[in-house]
Amino acid sequence: MNAFRSVRPSPDEYNGFYAGYINAVPEGDISQILLAQKAEVLRWINQLTTEAADYRYEPGKWSAKEVVGHMIDTEWIFSYRALWFARGDQSPLPGMDPNVFMAGANFADRSLQDLRTEFSSLRSASFQLVSSFSEEILNRTGVASGFTFSVRAMSWIIAGHCQHHLNILKERYNLP
């Protein structure tokens, strides 16, 4: 464990919109939190039936399978941002509209196993990426969606966004 990966980002390292995500992450080494969270999400996906995966708690809301797909899409983006900033590229990155991404996705047509495999592979890559960051790299910054973020903040946002949606799946979808 590296103590510098256990330092929670300060509010000046990210846009305030993301505070809820960062606050949802428990204390500890962020790389180890990502690894533990991977196991939790995979356990949860393994318990889903096809019927439960297609469940929507309200008309017009995403299905449980679509929420998992959104979690995957967003992790791709946050990991890319972390890599971009970590390597020192100062070119600003665009925002991401989750509804546009969902409209362009085919999550409803994909199997749970396929989504499980993608999440597992992606989270392994995110773990490797975050584990590779030195203290100096975690302190680097870049701009996304018009706001400055540190690499540290992006690392915590990856875990926090996933936890946020895992909590929603458990609460609103009445799933284990």
C-alpha atoms as a PDB file:
ATOM      1  CA  MET A   1       0.000   0.000   0.000  1.00  0.00           C
ATOM      2  CA  ASN A   2       1.212   3.480  -0.850  1.00  0.00           C
ATOM      3  CA  ALA A   3       0.065   6.161   1.571  1.00  0.00           C
ATOM      4  CA  PHE A   4      -0.138   8.765  -1.194  1.00  0.00           C
ATOM      5  CA  ARG A   5      -2.870   6.712  -2.928  1.00  0.00           C
ATOM      6  CA  SER A   6      -4.888   6.881   0.311  1.00  0.00           C
ATOM      7  CA  VAL A   7      -5.094  10.676   0.229  1.00  0.00           C
ATOM      8  CA  ARG A   8      -8.624  11.745  -0.655  1.00  0.00           C
ATOM      9  CA  PRO A   9      -8.684  14.562  -3.234  1.00  0.00           C
ATOM     10  CA  SER A  10      -9.314  18.027  -1.839  1.00  0.00           C
ATOM     11  CA  PRO A  11     -12.246  20.062  -3.212  1.00  0.00           C
ATOM     12  CA  ASP A  12      -9.900  22.221  -5.303  1.00  0.00           C
ATOM     13  CA  GLU A  13      -8.919  19.109  -7.331  1.00  0.00           C
ATOM     14  CA  TYR A  14     -12.327  18.616  -9.000  1.00  0.00           C
ATOM     15  CA  ASN A  15     -15.643  20.192  -9.949  1.00  0.00           C
ATOM     16  CA  GLY A  16     -18.043  20.257  -6.994  1.00  0.00           C
ATOM     17  CA  PHE A  17     -20.554  18.156  -8.953  1.00  0.00           C
ATOM     18  CA  TYR A  18     -18.323  15.140  -8.236  1.00  0.00           C
ATOM     19  CA  ALA A  19     -18.137  15.623  -4.447  1.00  0.00           C
ATOM     20  CA  GLY A  20     -20.889  13.065  -3.851  1.00  0.00           C
ATOM     21  CA  TYR A  21     -19.007  10.447  -5.841  1.00  0.00           C
ATOM     22  CA  ILE A  22     -15.733  11.090  -4.034  1.00  0.00           C
ATOM     23  CA  ASN A  23     -17.479  11.113  -0.638  1.00  0.00           C
ATOM     24  CA  ALA A  24     -19.056   7.713  -1.440  1.00  0.00           C
ATOM     25  CA  VAL A  25     -15.610   6.116  -1.556  1.00  0.00           C
ATOM     26  CA  PRO A  26     -14.384   4.631   1.747  1.00  0.00           C
ATOM     27  CA  GLU A  27     -11.012   5.556   3.225  1.00  0.00           C
ATOM     28  CA  GLY A  28      -8.032   3.602   1.974  1.00  0.00           C
ATOM     29  CA  ASP A  29      -5.711   3.021  -0.963  1.00  0.00           C
ATOM     30  CA  ILE A  30      -7.743   3.903  -4.063  1.00  0.00           C
ATOM     31  CA  SER A  31      -6.173   1.132  -6.137  1.00  0.00           C
ATOM     32  CA  GLN A  32      -7.196  -1.464  -3.534  1.00  0.00           C
ATOM     33  CA  ILE A  33     -10.671   0.067  -3.314  1.00  0.00           C
ATOM     34  CA  LEU A  34     -11.027  -0.320  -7.097  1.00  0.00           C
ATOM     35  CA  LEU A  35     -10.013  -3.967  -6.810  1.00  0.00           C
ATOM     36  CA  ALA A  36     -12.458  -4.703  -3.981  1.00  0.00           C
ATOM     37  CA  GLN A  37     -15.229  -2.873  -5.809  1.00  0.00           C
ATOM     38  CA  LYS A  38     -14.619  -4.997  -8.898  1.00  0.00           C
ATOM     39  CA  ALA A  39     -15.347  -8.137  -6.883  1.00  0.00           C
ATOM     40  CA  GLU A  40     -18.536  -6.578  -5.467  1.00  0.00           C
ATOM     41  CA  VAL A  41     -19.878  -5.519  -8.870  1.00  0.00           C
ATOM     42  CA  LEU A  42     -19.105  -8.904 -10.430  1.00  0.00           C
ATOM     43  CA  ARG A  43     -20.848 -10.718  -7.533  1.00  0.00           C
ATOM     44  CA  TRP A  44     -23.858  -8.487  -8.054  1.00  0.00           C
ATOM     45  CA  ILE A  45     -23.968  -9.046 -11.840  1.00  0.00           C
ATOM     46  CA  ASN A  46     -23.647 -12.813 -11.311  1.00  0.00           C
ATOM     47  CA  GLN A  47     -26.836 -12.755  -9.222  1.00  0.00           C
ATOM     48  CA  LEU A  48     -28.896 -10.996 -11.901  1.00  0.00           C
ATOM     49  CA  THR A  49     -31.477 -12.971 -13.810  1.00  0.00           C
ATOM     50  CA  THR A  50     -32.369 -11.975 -17.361  1.00  0.00           C
ATOM     51  CA  GLU A  51     -35.687 -10.633 -16.079  1.00  0.00           C
ATOM     52  CA  ALA A  52     -34.002  -8.580 -13.361  1.00  0.00           C
ATOM     53  CA  ALA A  53     -31.456  -7.220 -15.862  1.00  0.00           C
ATOM     54  CA  ASP A  54     -34.275  -5.835 -18.026  1.00  0.00           C
ATOM     55  CA  TYR A  55     -36.208  -4.369 -15.063  1.00  0.00           C
ATOM     56  CA  ARG A  56     -36.920  -0.617 -15.000  1.00  0.00           C
ATOM     57  CA  TYR A  57     -38.127   0.782 -11.683  1.00  0.00           C
ATOM     58  CA  GLU A  58     -40.096   3.464 -13.536  1.00  0.00           C
ATOM     59  CA  PRO A  59     -41.120   4.030 -17.165  1.00  0.00           C
ATOM     60  CA  GLY A  60     -38.442   5.920 -19.068  1.00  0.00           C
ATOM     61  CA  LYS A  61     -35.664   4.922 -16.662  1.00  0.00           C
ATOM     62  CA  TRP A  62     -32.739   2.787 -17.743  1.00  0.00           C
ATOM     63  CA  SER A  63     -32.930  -0.953 -17.211  1.00  0.00           C
ATOM     64  CA  ALA A  64     -30.548  -2.523 -14.712  1.00  0.00           C
ATOM     65  CA  LYS A  65     -28.491  -3.791 -17.671  1.00  0.00           C
ATOM     66  CA  GLU A  66     -28.345  -0.274 -19.127  1.00  0.00           C
ATOM     67  CA  VAL A  67     -27.145   1.099 -15.776  1.00  0.00           C
ATOM     68  CA  VAL A  68     -24.308  -1.436 -15.853  1.00  0.00           C
ATOM     69  CA  GLY A  69     -23.533  -0.321 -19.411  1.00  0.00           C
ATOM     70  CA  HIS A  70     -23.507   3.315 -18.290  1.00  0.00           C
ATOM     71  CA  MET A  71     -21.104   2.401 -15.486  1.00  0.00           C
ATOM     72  CA  ILE A  72     -18.813   0.815 -18.092  1.00  0.00           C
ATOM     73  CA  ASP A  73     -18.999   3.735 -20.547  1.00  0.00           C
ATOM     74  CA  THR A  74     -18.278   6.237 -17.805  1.00  0.00           C
ATOM     75  CA  GLU A  75     -15.335   4.264 -16.449  1.00  0.00           C
ATOM     76  CA  TRP A  76     -13.846   4.214 -19.961  1.00  0.00           C
ATOM     77  CA  ILE A  77     -14.115   8.003 -20.048  1.00  0.00           C
ATOM     78  CA  PHE A  78     -12.820   8.693 -16.530  1.00  0.00           C
ATOM     79  CA  SER A  79      -9.908   6.285 -17.033  1.00  0.00           C
ATOM     80  CA  TYR A  80      -9.038   7.982 -20.311  1.00  0.00           C
ATOM     81  CA  ARG A  81      -9.147  11.362 -18.610  1.00  0.00           C
ATOM     82  CA  ALA A  82      -6.880  10.096 -15.826  1.00  0.00           C
ATOM     83  CA  LEU A  83      -4.411   8.762 -18.408  1.00  0.00           C
ATOM     84  CA  TRP A  84      -4.573  11.993 -20.441  1.00  0.00           C
ATOM     85  CA  PHE A  85      -3.831  14.152 -17.411  1.00  0.00           C
ATOM     86  CA  ALA A  86      -1.232  11.706 -16.049  1.00  0.00           C
ATOM     87  CA  ARG A  87       0.788  11.932 -19.233  1.00  0.00           C
ATOM     88  CA  GLY A  88       0.774  15.713 -19.046  1.00  0.00           C
ATOM     89  CA  ASP A  89      -1.338  16.545 -22.089  1.00  0.00           C
ATOM     90  CA  GLN A  90      -2.831  19.955 -21.414  1.00  0.00           C
ATOM     91  CA  SER A  91      -5.367  19.842 -24.267  1.00  0.00           C
ATOM     92  CA  PRO A  92      -8.849  20.194 -22.753  1.00  0.00           C
ATOM     93  CA  LEU A  93     -11.165  17.203 -23.000  1.00  0.00           C
ATOM     94  CA  PRO A  94     -14.875  17.468 -23.832  1.00  0.00           C
ATOM     95  CA  GLY A  95     -17.765  16.641 -21.569  1.00  0.00           C
ATOM     96  CA  MET A  96     -19.919  13.538 -21.861  1.00  0.00           C
ATOM     97  CA  ASP A  97     -23.705  13.487 -22.078  1.00  0.00           C
ATOM     98  CA  PRO A  98     -24.826  10.138 -20.634  1.00  0.00           C
ATOM     99  CA  ASN A  99     -28.146  10.273 -22.492  1.00  0.00           C
ATOM    100  CA  VAL A 100     -26.393  10.694 -25.844  1.00  0.00           C
ATOM    101  CA  PHE A 101     -24.123   7.775 -24.989  1.00  0.00           C
ATOM    102  CA  MET A 102     -27.098   5.622 -23.972  1.00  0.00           C
ATOM    103  CA  ALA A 103     -28.959   6.470 -27.188  1.00  0.00           C
ATOM    104  CA  GLY A 104     -25.917   5.303 -29.159  1.00  0.00           C
ATOM    105  CA  ALA A 105     -25.390   2.131 -27.143  1.00  0.00           C
ATOM    106  CA  ASN A 106     -26.789  -1.353 -27.577  1.00  0.00           C
ATOM    107  CA  PHE A 107     -26.753  -2.534 -23.971  1.00  0.00           C
ATOM    108  CA  ALA A 108     -30.259  -4.005 -24.183  1.00  0.00           C
ATOM    109  CA  ASP A 109     -29.051  -6.324 -26.964  1.00  0.00           C
ATOM    110  CA  ARG A 110     -25.935  -7.503 -25.137  1.00  0.00           C
ATOM    111  CA  SER A 111     -25.779 -10.438 -22.771  1.00  0.00           C
ATOM    112  CA  LEU A 112     -25.109 -10.038 -19.082  1.00  0.00           C
ATOM    113  CA  GLN A 113     -22.017 -12.205 -19.544  1.00  0.00           C
ATOM    114  CA  ASP A 114     -20.709  -9.816 -22.197  1.00  0.00           C
ATOM    115  CA  LEU A 115     -21.237  -6.795 -19.931  1.00  0.00           C
ATOM    116  CA  ARG A 116     -19.679  -8.686 -17.014  1.00  0.00           C
ATOM    117  CA  THR A 117     -16.602  -9.507 -19.103  1.00  0.00           C
ATOM    118  CA  GLU A 118     -16.232  -5.915 -20.293  1.00  0.00           C
ATOM    119  CA  PHE A 119     -16.571  -4.510 -16.785  1.00  0.00           C
ATOM    120  CA  SER A 120     -14.079  -7.036 -15.415  1.00  0.00           C
ATOM    121  CA  SER A 121     -11.504  -6.305 -18.119  1.00  0.00           C
ATOM    122  CA  LEU A 122     -11.965  -2.556 -17.891  1.00  0.00           C
ATOM    123  CA  ARG A 123     -11.729  -2.512 -14.094  1.00  0.00           C
ATOM    124  CA  SER A 124      -8.554  -4.618 -14.251  1.00  0.00           C
ATOM    125  CA  ALA A 125      -7.095  -2.029 -16.627  1.00  0.00           C
ATOM    126  CA  SER A 126      -8.256   0.852 -14.395  1.00  0.00           C
ATOM    127  CA  PHE A 127      -6.667  -0.866 -11.397  1.00  0.00           C
ATOM    128  CA  GLN A 128      -3.380  -1.268 -13.263  1.00  0.00           C
ATOM    129  CA  LEU A 129      -3.474   2.346 -14.414  1.00  0.00           C
ATOM    130  CA  VAL A 130      -4.199   3.820 -10.989  1.00  0.00           C
ATOM    131  CA  SER A 131      -1.672   1.481  -9.333  1.00  0.00           C
ATOM    132  CA  SER A 132       1.016   2.810 -11.672  1.00  0.00           C
ATOM    133  CA  PHE A 133       0.596   6.428 -10.597  1.00  0.00           C
ATOM    134  CA  SER A 134       3.285   7.994  -8.435  1.00  0.00           C
ATOM    135  CA  GLU A 135       2.517  10.796  -6.014  1.00  0.00           C
ATOM    136  CA  GLU A 136       3.792  13.286  -8.589  1.00  0.00           C
ATOM    137  CA  ILE A 137       1.467  11.896 -11.269  1.00  0.00           C
ATOM    138  CA  LEU A 138      -1.559  11.900  -8.957  1.00  0.00           C
ATOM    139  CA  ASN A 139      -1.002  15.635  -8.446  1.00  0.00           C
ATOM    140  CA  ARG A 140      -0.991  16.455 -12.169  1.00  0.00           C
ATOM    141  CA  THR A 141      -4.045  18.236 -13.517  1.00  0.00           C
ATOM    142  CA  GLY A 142      -5.967  18.693 -16.707  1.00  0.00           C
ATOM    143  CA  VAL A 143      -9.228  20.145 -17.961  1.00  0.00           C
ATOM    144  CA  ALA A 144     -12.372  18.165 -18.788  1.00  0.00           C
ATOM    145  CA  SER A 145     -15.867  19.566 -19.291  1.00  0.00           C
ATOM    146  CA  GLY A 146     -14.404  23.026 -18.715  1.00  0.00           C
ATOM    147  CA  PHE A 147     -13.141  22.225 -15.192  1.00  0.00           C
ATOM    148  CA  THR A 148      -9.734  21.381 -13.749  1.00  0.00           C
ATOM    149  CA  PHE A 149      -9.272  17.909 -12.252  1.00  0.00           C
ATOM    150  CA  SER A 150      -6.287  16.169 -10.731  1.00  0.00           C
ATOM    151  CA  VAL A 151      -5.329  12.638 -11.681  1.00  0.00           C
ATOM    152  CA  ARG A 152      -6.019  11.763  -8.022  1.00  0.00           C
ATOM    153  CA  ALA A 153      -9.567  13.101  -8.304  1.00  0.00           C
ATOM    154  CA  MET A 154     -10.216  11.142 -11.516  1.00  0.00           C
ATOM    155  CA  SER A 155      -9.023   7.980  -9.782  1.00  0.00           C
ATOM    156  CA  TRP A 156     -11.469   8.519  -6.913  1.00  0.00           C
ATOM    157  CA  ILE A 157     -14.278   9.556  -9.268  1.00  0.00           C
ATOM    158  CA  ILE A 158     -13.952   6.206 -11.080  1.00  0.00           C
ATOM    159  CA  ALA A 159     -14.696   4.385  -7.818  1.00  0.00           C
ATOM    160  CA  GLY A 160     -17.272   6.914  -6.632  1.00  0.00           C
ATOM    161  CA  HIS A 161     -19.331   6.885  -9.820  1.00  0.00           C
ATOM    162  CA  CYS A 162     -19.427   3.104  -9.773  1.00  0.00           C
ATOM    163  CA  GLN A 163     -20.452   3.073  -6.089  1.00  0.00           C
ATOM    164  CA  HIS A 164     -23.152   5.659  -6.739  1.00  0.00           C
ATOM    165  CA  HIS A 165     -24.768   3.517  -9.406  1.00  0.00           C
ATOM    166  CA  LEU A 166     -24.291   0.283  -7.477  1.00  0.00           C
ATOM    167  CA  ASN A 167     -26.194   1.918  -4.595  1.00  0.00           C
ATOM    168  CA  ILE A 168     -28.973   2.961  -6.987  1.00  0.00           C
ATOM    169  CA  LEU A 169     -29.202  -0.560  -8.370  1.00  0.00           C
ATOM    170  CA  LYS A 170     -29.531  -1.978  -4.864  1.00  0.00           C
ATOM    171  CA  GLU A 171     -32.046   0.640  -3.678  1.00  0.00           C
ATOM    172  CA  ARG A 172     -34.301   1.336  -6.659  1.00  0.00           C
ATOM    173  CA  TYR A 173     -34.129  -1.943  -8.519  1.00  0.00           C
ATOM    174  CA  ASN A 174     -34.733  -4.105  -5.431  1.00  0.00           C
ATOM    175  CA  LEU A 175     -31.807  -6.270  -6.365  1.00  0.00           C
ATOM    176  CA  PRO A 176     -29.410  -8.090  -4.028  1.00  0.00           C
END
